[in-house]
Amino acid sequence: ASGFGLADGSKIADDFLFCPPVVMPLNRDDFLRIFGSFKITEALPDMCENAWNFHVDPLEPNRVWWLSRNVGTHTGYLPFGPGYAPTNKRVEWPVQANSML
């Protein structure tokens, strides 16, 4: 996995724009800085996305949809909010619907 481009930011286009539904759009540099601060792969080094059901949107043919359910073991420090020490517990996200243009 590429880790959303965090491993090599040069693989993300100069004009990249991440447009989530609830916060302002992020350009490439802001995206790499903010997503890099989450340290997800350090906190859950065995995390697996488990993506399935890829399909092209019939009404928006440049959009691809898929489902995913991340799972991993919390073995490293997680710097969200107050920060969370490792618990060594298995973490399973709820199913997420994802799309990309």
PDB file of N, CA and C in Angstrom:
ATOM      1  N   ALA A   1       0.838  -1.185   0.000  1.00  0.00           N
ATOM      2  CA  ALA A   1       0.000   0.000   0.000  1.00  0.00           C
ATOM      3  C   ALA A   1       0.878   1.242   0.000  1.00  0.00           C
ATOM      4  N   SER A   2       0.350   2.296  -0.562  1.00  0.00           N
ATOM      5  CA  SER A   2       1.126   3.524  -0.691  1.00  0.00           C
ATOM      6  C   SER A   2       0.945   4.467   0.487  1.00  0.00           C
ATOM      7  N   GLY A   3       0.029   4.173   1.398  1.00  0.00           N
ATOM      8  CA  GLY A   3      -0.191   5.046   2.540  1.00  0.00           C
ATOM      9  C   GLY A   3      -0.640   6.431   2.129  1.00  0.00           C
ATOM     10  N   PHE A   4      -1.495   6.490   1.131  1.00  0.00           N
ATOM     11  CA  PHE A   4      -2.016   7.767   0.622  1.00  0.00           C
ATOM     12  C   PHE A   4      -0.905   8.673   0.108  1.00  0.00           C
ATOM     13  N   GLY A   5       0.199   8.122  -0.333  1.00  0.00           N
ATOM     14  CA  GLY A   5       1.287   8.925  -0.863  1.00  0.00           C
ATOM     15  C   GLY A   5       2.265   9.407   0.181  1.00  0.00           C
ATOM     16  N   LEU A   6       2.053   9.055   1.441  1.00  0.00           N
ATOM     17  CA  LEU A   6       2.924   9.553   2.506  1.00  0.00           C
ATOM     18  C   LEU A   6       4.346   9.015   2.394  1.00  0.00           C
ATOM     19  N   ALA A   7       4.515   7.805   1.866  1.00  0.00           N
ATOM     20  CA  ALA A   7       5.842   7.217   1.754  1.00  0.00           C
ATOM     21  C   ALA A   7       6.695   7.960   0.726  1.00  0.00           C
ATOM     22  N   ASP A   8       6.057   8.500  -0.316  1.00  0.00           N
ATOM     23  CA  ASP A   8       6.775   9.238  -1.358  1.00  0.00           C
ATOM     24  C   ASP A   8       5.837  10.288  -1.941  1.00  0.00           C
ATOM     25  N   GLY A   9       5.846  11.472  -1.347  1.00  0.00           N
ATOM     26  CA  GLY A   9       4.957  12.549  -1.763  1.00  0.00           C
ATOM     27  C   GLY A   9       5.146  12.988  -3.201  1.00  0.00           C
ATOM     28  N   SER A  10       6.295  12.659  -3.804  1.00  0.00           N
ATOM     29  CA  SER A  10       6.531  13.049  -5.198  1.00  0.00           C
ATOM     30  C   SER A  10       5.605  12.300  -6.158  1.00  0.00           C
ATOM     31  N   LYS A  11       4.985  11.239  -5.681  1.00  0.00           N
ATOM     32  CA  LYS A  11       4.063  10.476  -6.533  1.00  0.00           C
ATOM     33  C   LYS A  11       2.672  11.101  -6.581  1.00  0.00           C
ATOM     34  N   ILE A  12       2.466  12.175  -5.822  1.00  0.00           N
ATOM     35  CA  ILE A  12       1.194  12.895  -5.844  1.00  0.00           C
ATOM     36  C   ILE A  12       1.375  14.114  -6.748  1.00  0.00           C
ATOM     37  N   ALA A  13       0.442  14.336  -7.654  1.00  0.00           N
ATOM     38  CA  ALA A  13       0.529  15.436  -8.620  1.00  0.00           C
ATOM     39  C   ALA A  13       0.637  16.791  -7.926  1.00  0.00           C
ATOM     40  N   ASP A  14       1.333  17.715  -8.562  1.00  0.00           N
ATOM     41  CA  ASP A  14       1.492  19.065  -8.021  1.00  0.00           C
ATOM     42  C   ASP A  14       0.151  19.757  -7.808  1.00  0.00           C
ATOM     43  N   ASP A  15      -0.821  19.477  -8.671  1.00  0.00           N
ATOM     44  CA  ASP A  15      -2.130  20.139  -8.572  1.00  0.00           C
ATOM     45  C   ASP A  15      -3.151  19.300  -7.795  1.00  0.00           C
ATOM     46  N   PHE A  16      -2.682  18.295  -7.055  1.00  0.00           N
ATOM     47  CA  PHE A  16      -3.558  17.441  -6.242  1.00  0.00           C
ATOM     48  C   PHE A  16      -4.400  18.293  -5.299  1.00  0.00           C
ATOM     49  N   LEU A  17      -5.659  17.910  -5.138  1.00  0.00           N
ATOM     50  CA  LEU A  17      -6.546  18.593  -4.202  1.00  0.00           C
ATOM     51  C   LEU A  17      -7.426  17.543  -3.533  1.00  0.00           C
ATOM     52  N   PHE A  18      -7.319  17.425  -2.220  1.00  0.00           N
ATOM     53  CA  PHE A  18      -8.139  16.506  -1.436  1.00  0.00           C
ATOM     54  C   PHE A  18      -9.355  17.289  -0.958  1.00  0.00           C
ATOM     55  N   CYS A  19     -10.549  16.850  -1.354  1.00  0.00           N
ATOM     56  CA  CYS A  19     -11.787  17.590  -1.069  1.00  0.00           C
ATOM     57  C   CYS A  19     -12.740  16.749  -0.230  1.00  0.00           C
ATOM     58  N   PRO A  20     -12.514  16.659   1.079  1.00  0.00           N
ATOM     59  CA  PRO A  20     -13.427  15.902   1.934  1.00  0.00           C
ATOM     60  C   PRO A  20     -14.729  16.680   2.125  1.00  0.00           C
ATOM     61  N   PRO A  21     -15.788  15.999   2.541  1.00  0.00           N
ATOM     62  CA  PRO A  21     -17.095  16.659   2.624  1.00  0.00           C
ATOM     63  C   PRO A  21     -17.265  17.638   3.779  1.00  0.00           C
ATOM     64  N   VAL A  22     -16.438  17.585   4.806  1.00  0.00           N
ATOM     65  CA  VAL A  22     -16.719  18.405   5.993  1.00  0.00           C
ATOM     66  C   VAL A  22     -15.646  19.426   6.354  1.00  0.00           C
ATOM     67  N   VAL A  23     -14.511  19.430   5.671  1.00  0.00           N
ATOM     68  CA  VAL A  23     -13.473  20.432   5.932  1.00  0.00           C
ATOM     69  C   VAL A  23     -13.030  21.034   4.601  1.00  0.00           C
ATOM     70  N   MET A  24     -12.251  22.104   4.679  1.00  0.00           N
ATOM     71  CA  MET A  24     -11.826  22.762   3.448  1.00  0.00           C
ATOM     72  C   MET A  24     -10.888  21.864   2.644  1.00  0.00           C
ATOM     73  N   PRO A  25     -10.825  22.083   1.322  1.00  0.00           N
ATOM     74  CA  PRO A  25      -9.907  21.298   0.485  1.00  0.00           C
ATOM     75  C   PRO A  25      -8.452  21.485   0.921  1.00  0.00           C
ATOM     76  N   LEU A  26      -7.664  20.429   0.714  1.00  0.00           N
ATOM     77  CA  LEU A  26      -6.243  20.460   1.067  1.00  0.00           C
ATOM     78  C   LEU A  26      -5.408  20.275  -0.190  1.00  0.00           C
ATOM     79  N   ASN A  27      -4.401  21.129  -0.388  1.00  0.00           N
ATOM     80  CA  ASN A  27      -3.473  20.908  -1.495  1.00  0.00           C
ATOM     81  C   ASN A  27      -2.505  19.788  -1.105  1.00  0.00           C
ATOM     82  N   ARG A  28      -1.627  19.418  -2.006  1.00  0.00           N
ATOM     83  CA  ARG A  28      -0.732  18.281  -1.766  1.00  0.00           C
ATOM     84  C   ARG A  28       0.106  18.458  -0.500  1.00  0.00           C
ATOM     85  N   ASP A  29       0.745  19.618  -0.328  1.00  0.00           N
ATOM     86  CA  ASP A  29       1.636  19.808   0.819  1.00  0.00           C
ATOM     87  C   ASP A  29       0.869  19.759   2.140  1.00  0.00           C
ATOM     88  N   ASP A  30      -0.303  20.398   2.189  1.00  0.00           N
ATOM     89  CA  ASP A  30      -1.112  20.367   3.413  1.00  0.00           C
ATOM     90  C   ASP A  30      -1.618  18.955   3.693  1.00  0.00           C
ATOM     91  N   PHE A  31      -2.043  18.259   2.637  1.00  0.00           N
ATOM     92  CA  PHE A  31      -2.504  16.877   2.785  1.00  0.00           C
ATOM     93  C   PHE A  31      -1.412  16.000   3.378  1.00  0.00           C
ATOM     94  N   LEU A  32      -0.199  16.075   2.815  1.00  0.00           N
ATOM     95  CA  LEU A  32       0.905  15.248   3.310  1.00  0.00           C
ATOM     96  C   LEU A  32       1.261  15.602   4.754  1.00  0.00           C
ATOM     97  N   ARG A  33       1.260  16.877   5.099  1.00  0.00           N
ATOM     98  CA  ARG A  33       1.582  17.304   6.459  1.00  0.00           C
ATOM     99  C   ARG A  33       0.525  16.814   7.452  1.00  0.00           C
ATOM    100  N   ILE A  34      -0.751  17.014   7.127  1.00  0.00           N
ATOM    101  CA  ILE A  34      -1.825  16.661   8.055  1.00  0.00           C
ATOM    102  C   ILE A  34      -1.983  15.149   8.169  1.00  0.00           C
ATOM    103  N   PHE A  35      -2.080  14.447   7.040  1.00  0.00           N
ATOM    104  CA  PHE A  35      -2.232  12.995   7.108  1.00  0.00           C
ATOM    105  C   PHE A  35      -0.999  12.339   7.708  1.00  0.00           C
ATOM    106  N   GLY A  36       0.190  12.904   7.469  1.00  0.00           N
ATOM    107  CA  GLY A  36       1.410  12.368   8.052  1.00  0.00           C
ATOM    108  C   GLY A  36       1.448  12.501   9.564  1.00  0.00           C
ATOM    109  N   SER A  37       0.763  13.506  10.102  1.00  0.00           N
ATOM    110  CA  SER A  37       0.763  13.705  11.557  1.00  0.00           C
ATOM    111  C   SER A  37      -0.081  12.668  12.292  1.00  0.00           C
ATOM    112  N   PHE A  38      -0.947  11.946  11.581  1.00  0.00           N
ATOM    113  CA  PHE A  38      -1.807  10.961  12.233  1.00  0.00           C
ATOM    114  C   PHE A  38      -1.026   9.746  12.739  1.00  0.00           C
ATOM    115  N   LYS A  39       0.066   9.388  12.071  1.00  0.00           N
ATOM    116  CA  LYS A  39       0.938   8.277  12.488  1.00  0.00           C
ATOM    117  C   LYS A  39       0.182   6.953  12.632  1.00  0.00           C
ATOM    118  N   ILE A  40      -0.776   6.731  11.763  1.00  0.00           N
ATOM    119  CA  ILE A  40      -1.590   5.508  11.828  1.00  0.00           C
ATOM    120  C   ILE A  40      -0.735   4.252  11.655  1.00  0.00           C
ATOM    121  N   THR A  41       0.183   4.263  10.684  1.00  0.00           N
ATOM    122  CA  THR A  41       0.966   3.041  10.446  1.00  0.00           C
ATOM    123  C   THR A  41       1.928   2.735  11.592  1.00  0.00           C
ATOM    124  N   GLU A  42       2.325   3.757  12.362  1.00  0.00           N
ATOM    125  CA  GLU A  42       3.157   3.505  13.532  1.00  0.00           C
ATOM    126  C   GLU A  42       2.320   2.949  14.683  1.00  0.00           C
ATOM    127  N   ALA A  43       1.086   3.425  14.826  1.00  0.00           N
ATOM    128  CA  ALA A  43       0.216   2.972  15.912  1.00  0.00           C
ATOM    129  C   ALA A  43      -0.402   1.605  15.630  1.00  0.00           C
ATOM    130  N   LEU A  44      -0.692   1.327  14.368  1.00  0.00           N
ATOM    131  CA  LEU A  44      -1.301   0.056  13.972  1.00  0.00           C
ATOM    132  C   LEU A  44      -0.504  -0.517  12.795  1.00  0.00           C
ATOM    133  N   PRO A  45       0.699  -1.026  13.038  1.00  0.00           N
ATOM    134  CA  PRO A  45       1.577  -1.429  11.937  1.00  0.00           C
ATOM    135  C   PRO A  45       1.053  -2.584  11.087  1.00  0.00           C
ATOM    136  N   ASP A  46       0.132  -3.365  11.608  1.00  0.00           N
ATOM    137  CA  ASP A  46      -0.419  -4.486  10.830  1.00  0.00           C
ATOM    138  C   ASP A  46      -1.775  -4.141  10.211  1.00  0.00           C
ATOM    139  N   MET A  47      -2.129  -2.864  10.160  1.00  0.00           N
ATOM    140  CA  MET A  47      -3.438  -2.452   9.645  1.00  0.00           C
ATOM    141  C   MET A  47      -3.619  -2.913   8.200  1.00  0.00           C
ATOM    142  N   CYS A  48      -4.814  -3.417   7.929  1.00  0.00           N
ATOM    143  CA  CYS A  48      -5.184  -3.878   6.597  1.00  0.00           C
ATOM    144  C   CYS A  48      -6.513  -3.230   6.225  1.00  0.00           C
ATOM    145  N   GLU A  49      -6.606  -2.674   5.024  1.00  0.00           N
ATOM    146  CA  GLU A  49      -7.821  -1.951   4.621  1.00  0.00           C
ATOM    147  C   GLU A  49      -8.985  -2.880   4.288  1.00  0.00           C
ATOM    148  N   ASN A  50      -8.723  -4.049   3.746  1.00  0.00           N
ATOM    149  CA  ASN A  50      -9.783  -4.996   3.394  1.00  0.00           C
ATOM    150  C   ASN A  50     -10.836  -4.370   2.486  1.00  0.00           C
ATOM    151  N   ALA A  51     -10.411  -3.915   1.323  1.00  0.00           N
ATOM    152  CA  ALA A  51     -11.314  -3.273   0.363  1.00  0.00           C
ATOM    153  C   ALA A  51     -11.961  -4.315  -0.551  1.00  0.00           C
ATOM    154  N   TRP A  52     -13.238  -4.079  -0.896  1.00  0.00           N
ATOM    155  CA  TRP A  52     -13.958  -4.963  -1.804  1.00  0.00           C
ATOM    156  C   TRP A  52     -15.080  -4.199  -2.499  1.00  0.00           C
ATOM    157  N   ASN A  53     -15.720  -4.854  -3.450  1.00  0.00           N
ATOM    158  CA  ASN A  53     -16.892  -4.317  -4.147  1.00  0.00           C
ATOM    159  C   ASN A  53     -16.572  -3.066  -4.959  1.00  0.00           C
ATOM    160  N   PHE A  54     -15.468  -3.082  -5.689  1.00  0.00           N
ATOM    161  CA  PHE A  54     -15.121  -1.960  -6.562  1.00  0.00           C
ATOM    162  C   PHE A  54     -16.074  -1.921  -7.747  1.00  0.00           C
ATOM    163  N   HIS A  55     -16.602  -0.743  -8.046  1.00  0.00           N
ATOM    164  CA  HIS A  55     -17.454  -0.607  -9.225  1.00  0.00           C
ATOM    165  C   HIS A  55     -17.520   0.848  -9.695  1.00  0.00           C
ATOM    166  N   VAL A  56     -17.767   1.001 -10.985  1.00  0.00           N
ATOM    167  CA  VAL A  56     -17.888   2.328 -11.593  1.00  0.00           C
ATOM    168  C   VAL A  56     -19.300   2.844 -11.373  1.00  0.00           C
ATOM    169  N   ASP A  57     -19.401   4.098 -10.997  1.00  0.00           N
ATOM    170  CA  ASP A  57     -20.697   4.738 -10.781  1.00  0.00           C
ATOM    171  C   ASP A  57     -21.418   4.859 -12.127  1.00  0.00           C
ATOM    172  N   PRO A  58     -22.634   4.316 -12.259  1.00  0.00           N
ATOM    173  CA  PRO A  58     -23.329   4.361 -13.552  1.00  0.00           C
ATOM    174  C   PRO A  58     -23.783   5.771 -13.949  1.00  0.00           C
ATOM    175  N   LEU A  59     -23.903   6.679 -12.980  1.00  0.00           N
ATOM    176  CA  LEU A  59     -24.345   8.043 -13.287  1.00  0.00           C
ATOM    177  C   LEU A  59     -23.176   9.026 -13.372  1.00  0.00           C
ATOM    178  N   GLU A  60     -22.037   8.634 -12.830  1.00  0.00           N
ATOM    179  CA  GLU A  60     -20.839   9.480 -12.846  1.00  0.00           C
ATOM    180  C   GLU A  60     -19.659   8.583 -13.229  1.00  0.00           C
ATOM    181  N   PRO A  61     -19.496   8.287 -14.529  1.00  0.00           N
ATOM    182  CA  PRO A  61     -18.575   7.233 -14.969  1.00  0.00           C
ATOM    183  C   PRO A  61     -17.093   7.457 -14.658  1.00  0.00           C
ATOM    184  N   ASN A  62     -16.707   8.639 -14.227  1.00  0.00           N
ATOM    185  CA  ASN A  62     -15.316   8.847 -13.823  1.00  0.00           C
ATOM    186  C   ASN A  62     -15.099   8.536 -12.347  1.00  0.00           C
ATOM    187  N   ARG A  63     -16.154   8.151 -11.634  1.00  0.00           N
ATOM    188  CA  ARG A  63     -16.062   7.858 -10.193  1.00  0.00           C
ATOM    189  C   ARG A  63     -16.101   6.346  -9.961  1.00  0.00           C
ATOM    190  N   VAL A  64     -15.214   5.882  -9.096  1.00  0.00           N
ATOM    191  CA  VAL A  64     -15.186   4.478  -8.675  1.00  0.00           C
ATOM    192  C   VAL A  64     -15.572   4.428  -7.200  1.00  0.00           C
ATOM    193  N   TRP A  65     -16.441   3.487  -6.858  1.00  0.00           N
ATOM    194  CA  TRP A  65     -16.871   3.267  -5.471  1.00  0.00           C
ATOM    195  C   TRP A  65     -16.330   1.929  -4.982  1.00  0.00           C
ATOM    196  N   TRP A  66     -16.098   1.834  -3.660  1.00  0.00           N
ATOM    197  CA  TRP A  66     -15.738   0.560  -3.041  1.00  0.00           C
ATOM    198  C   TRP A  66     -16.061   0.624  -1.558  1.00  0.00           C
ATOM    199  N   LEU A  67     -16.089  -0.531  -0.927  1.00  0.00           N
ATOM    200  CA  LEU A  67     -16.299  -0.639   0.513  1.00  0.00           C
ATOM    201  C   LEU A  67     -14.992  -1.082   1.158  1.00  0.00           C
ATOM    202  N   SER A  68     -14.819  -0.737   2.423  1.00  0.00           N
ATOM    203  CA  SER A  68     -13.630  -1.191   3.149  1.00  0.00           C
ATOM    204  C   SER A  68     -13.951  -1.326   4.630  1.00  0.00           C
ATOM    205  N   ARG A  69     -13.189  -2.175   5.292  1.00  0.00           N
ATOM    206  CA  ARG A  69     -13.278  -2.347   6.753  1.00  0.00           C
ATOM    207  C   ARG A  69     -11.853  -2.561   7.269  1.00  0.00           C
ATOM    208  N   ASN A  70     -11.263  -1.499   7.785  1.00  0.00           N
ATOM    209  CA  ASN A  70      -9.897  -1.581   8.303  1.00  0.00           C
ATOM    210  C   ASN A  70      -9.858  -2.381   9.595  1.00  0.00           C
ATOM    211  N   VAL A  71      -8.790  -3.149   9.754  1.00  0.00           N
ATOM    212  CA  VAL A  71      -8.524  -3.863  11.004  1.00  0.00           C
ATOM    213  C   VAL A  71      -7.030  -3.759  11.292  1.00  0.00           C
ATOM    214  N   GLY A  72      -6.669  -3.764  12.560  1.00  0.00           N
ATOM    215  CA  GLY A  72      -5.270  -3.712  12.949  1.00  0.00           C
ATOM    216  C   GLY A  72      -5.133  -3.864  14.448  1.00  0.00           C
ATOM    217  N   THR A  73      -3.899  -3.958  14.906  1.00  0.00           N
ATOM    218  CA  THR A  73      -3.611  -4.106  16.330  1.00  0.00           C
ATOM    219  C   THR A  73      -2.919  -2.847  16.828  1.00  0.00           C
ATOM    220  N   HIS A  74      -3.452  -2.253  17.886  1.00  0.00           N
ATOM    221  CA  HIS A  74      -2.938  -0.989  18.425  1.00  0.00           C
ATOM    222  C   HIS A  74      -1.697  -1.257  19.276  1.00  0.00           C
ATOM    223  N   THR A  75      -0.530  -1.282  18.615  1.00  0.00           N
ATOM    224  CA  THR A  75       0.725  -1.596  19.313  1.00  0.00           C
ATOM    225  C   THR A  75       1.658  -0.402  19.457  1.00  0.00           C
ATOM    226  N   GLY A  76       1.280   0.760  18.912  1.00  0.00           N
ATOM    227  CA  GLY A  76       2.123   1.950  19.007  1.00  0.00           C
ATOM    228  C   GLY A  76       1.317   3.156  19.474  1.00  0.00           C
ATOM    229  N   TYR A  77       2.010   4.205  19.851  1.00  0.00           N
ATOM    230  CA  TYR A  77       1.364   5.432  20.324  1.00  0.00           C
ATOM    231  C   TYR A  77       0.517   6.048  19.214  1.00  0.00           C
ATOM    232  N   LEU A  78      -0.693   6.477  19.558  1.00  0.00           N
ATOM    233  CA  LEU A  78      -1.615   7.094  18.610  1.00  0.00           C
ATOM    234  C   LEU A  78      -1.826   8.548  19.026  1.00  0.00           C
ATOM    235  N   PRO A  79      -1.342   9.528  18.217  1.00  0.00           N
ATOM    236  CA  PRO A  79      -1.374  10.926  18.637  1.00  0.00           C
ATOM    237  C   PRO A  79      -2.679  11.669  18.322  1.00  0.00           C
ATOM    238  N   PHE A  80      -3.831  11.037  18.461  1.00  0.00           N
ATOM    239  CA  PHE A  80      -5.117  11.710  18.260  1.00  0.00           C
ATOM    240  C   PHE A  80      -5.550  12.354  19.572  1.00  0.00           C
ATOM    241  N   GLY A  81      -6.095  13.560  19.500  1.00  0.00           N
ATOM    242  CA  GLY A  81      -6.600  14.225  20.700  1.00  0.00           C
ATOM    243  C   GLY A  81      -5.555  14.226  21.793  1.00  0.00           C
ATOM    244  N   PRO A  82      -5.874  13.646  22.963  1.00  0.00           N
ATOM    245  CA  PRO A  82      -4.911  13.640  24.064  1.00  0.00           C
ATOM    246  C   PRO A  82      -3.771  12.648  23.849  1.00  0.00           C
ATOM    247  N   GLY A  83      -3.894  11.771  22.852  1.00  0.00           N
ATOM    248  CA  GLY A  83      -2.901  10.735  22.601  1.00  0.00           C
ATOM    249  C   GLY A  83      -3.267   9.451  23.334  1.00  0.00           C
ATOM    250  N   TYR A  84      -2.949   8.322  22.738  1.00  0.00           N
ATOM    251  CA  TYR A  84      -3.323   7.031  23.308  1.00  0.00           C
ATOM    252  C   TYR A  84      -2.130   6.087  23.298  1.00  0.00           C
ATOM    253  N   ALA A  85      -1.793   5.599  24.470  1.00  0.00           N
ATOM    254  CA  ALA A  85      -0.722   4.616  24.598  1.00  0.00           C
ATOM    255  C   ALA A  85      -1.175   3.302  23.982  1.00  0.00           C
ATOM    256  N   PRO A  86      -0.229   2.458  23.557  1.00  0.00           N
ATOM    257  CA  PRO A  86      -0.597   1.167  22.978  1.00  0.00           C
ATOM    258  C   PRO A  86      -1.454   0.327  23.917  1.00  0.00           C
ATOM    259  N   THR A  87      -2.466  -0.307  23.367  1.00  0.00           N
ATOM    260  CA  THR A  87      -3.339  -1.186  24.155  1.00  0.00           C
ATOM    261  C   THR A  87      -3.147  -2.655  23.794  1.00  0.00           C
ATOM    262  N   ASN A  88      -2.493  -2.912  22.669  1.00  0.00           N
ATOM    263  CA  ASN A  88      -2.322  -4.260  22.122  1.00  0.00           C
ATOM    264  C   ASN A  88      -3.658  -4.936  21.815  1.00  0.00           C
ATOM    265  N   LYS A  89      -4.700  -4.127  21.615  1.00  0.00           N
ATOM    266  CA  LYS A  89      -6.021  -4.658  21.261  1.00  0.00           C
ATOM    267  C   LYS A  89      -6.230  -4.576  19.755  1.00  0.00           C
ATOM    268  N   ARG A  90      -7.005  -5.522  19.255  1.00  0.00           N
ATOM    269  CA  ARG A  90      -7.399  -5.500  17.844  1.00  0.00           C
ATOM    270  C   ARG A  90      -8.454  -4.406  17.660  1.00  0.00           C
ATOM    271  N   VAL A  91      -8.289  -3.609  16.626  1.00  0.00           N
ATOM    272  CA  VAL A  91      -9.208  -2.525  16.321  1.00  0.00           C
ATOM    273  C   VAL A  91      -9.870  -2.844  14.984  1.00  0.00           C
ATOM    274  N   GLU A  92     -11.190  -2.760  14.930  1.00  0.00           N
ATOM    275  CA  GLU A  92     -11.926  -3.011  13.687  1.00  0.00           C
ATOM    276  C   GLU A  92     -12.860  -1.831  13.431  1.00  0.00           C
ATOM    277  N   TRP A  93     -12.605  -1.129  12.329  1.00  0.00           N
ATOM    278  CA  TRP A  93     -13.439  -0.004  11.937  1.00  0.00           C
ATOM    279  C   TRP A  93     -14.781  -0.510  11.415  1.00  0.00           C
ATOM    280  N   PRO A  94     -15.818   0.330  11.438  1.00  0.00           N
ATOM    281  CA  PRO A  94     -17.052  -0.036  10.752  1.00  0.00           C
ATOM    282  C   PRO A  94     -16.831   0.015   9.244  1.00  0.00           C
ATOM    283  N   VAL A  95     -17.714  -0.609   8.503  1.00  0.00           N
ATOM    284  CA  VAL A  95     -17.623  -0.579   7.040  1.00  0.00           C
ATOM    285  C   VAL A  95     -17.732   0.864   6.567  1.00  0.00           C
ATOM    286  N   GLN A  96     -16.881   1.226   5.611  1.00  0.00           N
ATOM    287  CA  GLN A  96     -16.896   2.575   5.031  1.00  0.00           C
ATOM    288  C   GLN A  96     -17.157   2.480   3.544  1.00  0.00           C
ATOM    289  N   ALA A  97     -17.980   3.388   3.022  1.00  0.00           N
ATOM    290  CA  ALA A  97     -18.159   3.542   1.583  1.00  0.00           C
ATOM    291  C   ALA A  97     -17.168   4.610   1.138  1.00  0.00           C
ATOM    292  N   ASN A  98     -16.405   4.329   0.092  1.00  0.00           N
ATOM    293  CA  ASN A  98     -15.379   5.236  -0.417  1.00  0.00           C
ATOM    294  C   ASN A  98     -15.598   5.480  -1.900  1.00  0.00           C
ATOM    295  N   SER A  99     -15.177   6.638  -2.371  1.00  0.00           N
ATOM    296  CA  SER A  99     -15.218   6.894  -3.804  1.00  0.00           C
ATOM    297  C   SER A  99     -14.050   7.775  -4.188  1.00  0.00           C
ATOM    298  N   MET A 100     -13.700   7.717  -5.474  1.00  0.00           N
ATOM    299  CA  MET A 100     -12.607   8.512  -6.000  1.00  0.00           C
ATOM    300  C   MET A 100     -12.903   8.845  -7.447  1.00  0.00           C
ATOM    301  N   LEU A 101     -12.568  10.058  -7.816  1.00  0.00           N
ATOM    302  CA  LEU A 101     -12.716  10.475  -9.219  1.00  0.00           C
ATOM    303  C   LEU A 101     -11.443  10.235  -9.963  1.00  0.00           C
TER     304      LEU A 101
END
